[in-house]
Amino acid sequence: MKNFRNLVGLTVLIGMAALSSCMKFDCHACHYEGPNGDVSLGKKCGNEVEDLMATGVDVDGTNYEVHCHRH
């Protein structure tokens, strides 16, 4: 029974470590410069930041370059 309890405890610790490492995304405040000035896109995290910066954002048929800054 003691070995089973140790195994369960170890499994829980490994699971918590895995989840916490996956949840630590690098978040940034993103915006683009539209015709009337800066337009906030809000806080973006993880791959979404990379995707926005690589592809930009399309608004009314125009693609705008997105800028993201760590806050």
C-alpha atoms as a PDB file:
ATOM      1  CA  MET A   1       0.000   0.000   0.000  1.00  0.00           C
ATOM      2  CA  LYS A   2       2.867   2.384   0.752  1.00  0.00           C
ATOM      3  CA  ASN A   3       4.356   1.802  -2.711  1.00  0.00           C
ATOM      4  CA  PHE A   4       0.979   2.532  -4.331  1.00  0.00           C
ATOM      5  CA  ARG A   5       0.651   5.783  -2.364  1.00  0.00           C
ATOM      6  CA  ASN A   6       4.176   6.812  -3.371  1.00  0.00           C
ATOM      7  CA  LEU A   7       3.426   6.012  -7.004  1.00  0.00           C
ATOM      8  CA  VAL A   8       0.219   8.081  -6.933  1.00  0.00           C
ATOM      9  CA  GLY A   9       2.051  10.980  -5.259  1.00  0.00           C
ATOM     10  CA  LEU A  10       4.837  10.881  -7.820  1.00  0.00           C
ATOM     11  CA  THR A  11       2.339  10.759 -10.680  1.00  0.00           C
ATOM     12  CA  VAL A  12       0.497  13.796  -9.300  1.00  0.00           C
ATOM     13  CA  LEU A  13       3.746  15.775  -8.946  1.00  0.00           C
ATOM     14  CA  ILE A  14       4.840  14.955 -12.494  1.00  0.00           C
ATOM     15  CA  GLY A  15       1.389  15.898 -13.815  1.00  0.00           C
ATOM     16  CA  MET A  16       1.416  19.222 -11.972  1.00  0.00           C
ATOM     17  CA  ALA A  17       4.891  20.037 -13.293  1.00  0.00           C
ATOM     18  CA  ALA A  18       3.849  19.214 -16.859  1.00  0.00           C
ATOM     19  CA  LEU A  19       0.690  21.319 -16.663  1.00  0.00           C
ATOM     20  CA  SER A  20       2.416  24.300 -15.097  1.00  0.00           C
ATOM     21  CA  SER A  21       5.137  24.327 -17.754  1.00  0.00           C
ATOM     22  CA  CYS A  22       2.509  24.241 -20.511  1.00  0.00           C
ATOM     23  CA  MET A  23       0.534  27.074 -18.944  1.00  0.00           C
ATOM     24  CA  LYS A  24       3.479  29.493 -18.734  1.00  0.00           C
ATOM     25  CA  PHE A  25       2.938  31.238 -22.030  1.00  0.00           C
ATOM     26  CA  ASP A  26       4.801  34.389 -22.821  1.00  0.00           C
ATOM     27  CA  CYS A  27       2.019  36.996 -23.097  1.00  0.00           C
ATOM     28  CA  HIS A  28       2.177  40.350 -24.870  1.00  0.00           C
ATOM     29  CA  ALA A  29      -0.040  43.361 -25.514  1.00  0.00           C
ATOM     30  CA  CYS A  30      -0.584  43.572 -29.278  1.00  0.00           C
ATOM     31  CA  HIS A  31      -1.756  46.345 -31.599  1.00  0.00           C
ATOM     32  CA  TYR A  32      -1.648  47.466 -35.194  1.00  0.00           C
ATOM     33  CA  GLU A  33      -1.422  50.937 -36.724  1.00  0.00           C
ATOM     34  CA  GLY A  34      -4.667  51.561 -38.577  1.00  0.00           C
ATOM     35  CA  PRO A  35      -5.538  54.630 -40.662  1.00  0.00           C
ATOM     36  CA  ASN A  36      -6.864  56.383 -37.533  1.00  0.00           C
ATOM     37  CA  GLY A  37      -4.010  55.408 -35.193  1.00  0.00           C
ATOM     38  CA  ASP A  38      -3.181  52.447 -32.983  1.00  0.00           C
ATOM     39  CA  VAL A  39      -5.812  49.723 -32.585  1.00  0.00           C
ATOM     40  CA  SER A  40      -5.405  47.426 -29.589  1.00  0.00           C
ATOM     41  CA  LEU A  41      -5.784  43.691 -30.117  1.00  0.00           C
ATOM     42  CA  GLY A  42      -5.504  42.991 -26.396  1.00  0.00           C
ATOM     43  CA  LYS A  43      -3.288  40.528 -24.597  1.00  0.00           C
ATOM     44  CA  LYS A  44      -2.142  37.581 -26.707  1.00  0.00           C
ATOM     45  CA  CYS A  45      -0.149  34.547 -25.525  1.00  0.00           C
ATOM     46  CA  GLY A  46       1.923  31.696 -26.903  1.00  0.00           C
ATOM     47  CA  ASN A  47       1.686  30.795 -30.576  1.00  0.00           C
ATOM     48  CA  GLU A  48      -0.996  33.418 -31.146  1.00  0.00           C
ATOM     49  CA  VAL A  49       1.659  36.159 -30.731  1.00  0.00           C
ATOM     50  CA  GLU A  50       3.948  34.526 -33.287  1.00  0.00           C
ATOM     51  CA  ASP A  51       1.084  33.962 -35.735  1.00  0.00           C
ATOM     52  CA  LEU A  52      -0.176  37.558 -35.498  1.00  0.00           C
ATOM     53  CA  MET A  53       3.283  39.025 -35.957  1.00  0.00           C
ATOM     54  CA  ALA A  54       4.012  36.742 -38.919  1.00  0.00           C
ATOM     55  CA  THR A  55       0.732  37.203 -40.803  1.00  0.00           C
ATOM     56  CA  GLY A  56      -0.599  40.537 -39.551  1.00  0.00           C
ATOM     57  CA  VAL A  57      -4.297  41.260 -39.287  1.00  0.00           C
ATOM     58  CA  ASP A  58      -6.764  41.818 -42.144  1.00  0.00           C
ATOM     59  CA  VAL A  59      -9.282  44.630 -41.731  1.00  0.00           C
ATOM     60  CA  ASP A  60     -11.632  45.569 -44.563  1.00  0.00           C
ATOM     61  CA  GLY A  61      -9.351  43.980 -47.165  1.00  0.00           C
ATOM     62  CA  THR A  62      -6.187  45.639 -45.877  1.00  0.00           C
ATOM     63  CA  ASN A  63      -3.441  43.727 -44.065  1.00  0.00           C
ATOM     64  CA  TYR A  64      -1.803  45.568 -41.169  1.00  0.00           C
ATOM     65  CA  GLU A  65       1.471  44.679 -39.492  1.00  0.00           C
ATOM     66  CA  VAL A  66       0.956  43.681 -35.851  1.00  0.00           C
ATOM     67  CA  HIS A  67       3.298  44.791 -33.058  1.00  0.00           C
ATOM     68  CA  CYS A  68       3.377  42.999 -29.711  1.00  0.00           C
ATOM     69  CA  HIS A  69       5.156  44.182 -26.567  1.00  0.00           C
ATOM     70  CA  ARG A  70       5.707  42.458 -23.251  1.00  0.00           C
ATOM     71  CA  HIS A  71       4.033  44.234 -20.339  1.00  0.00           C
END
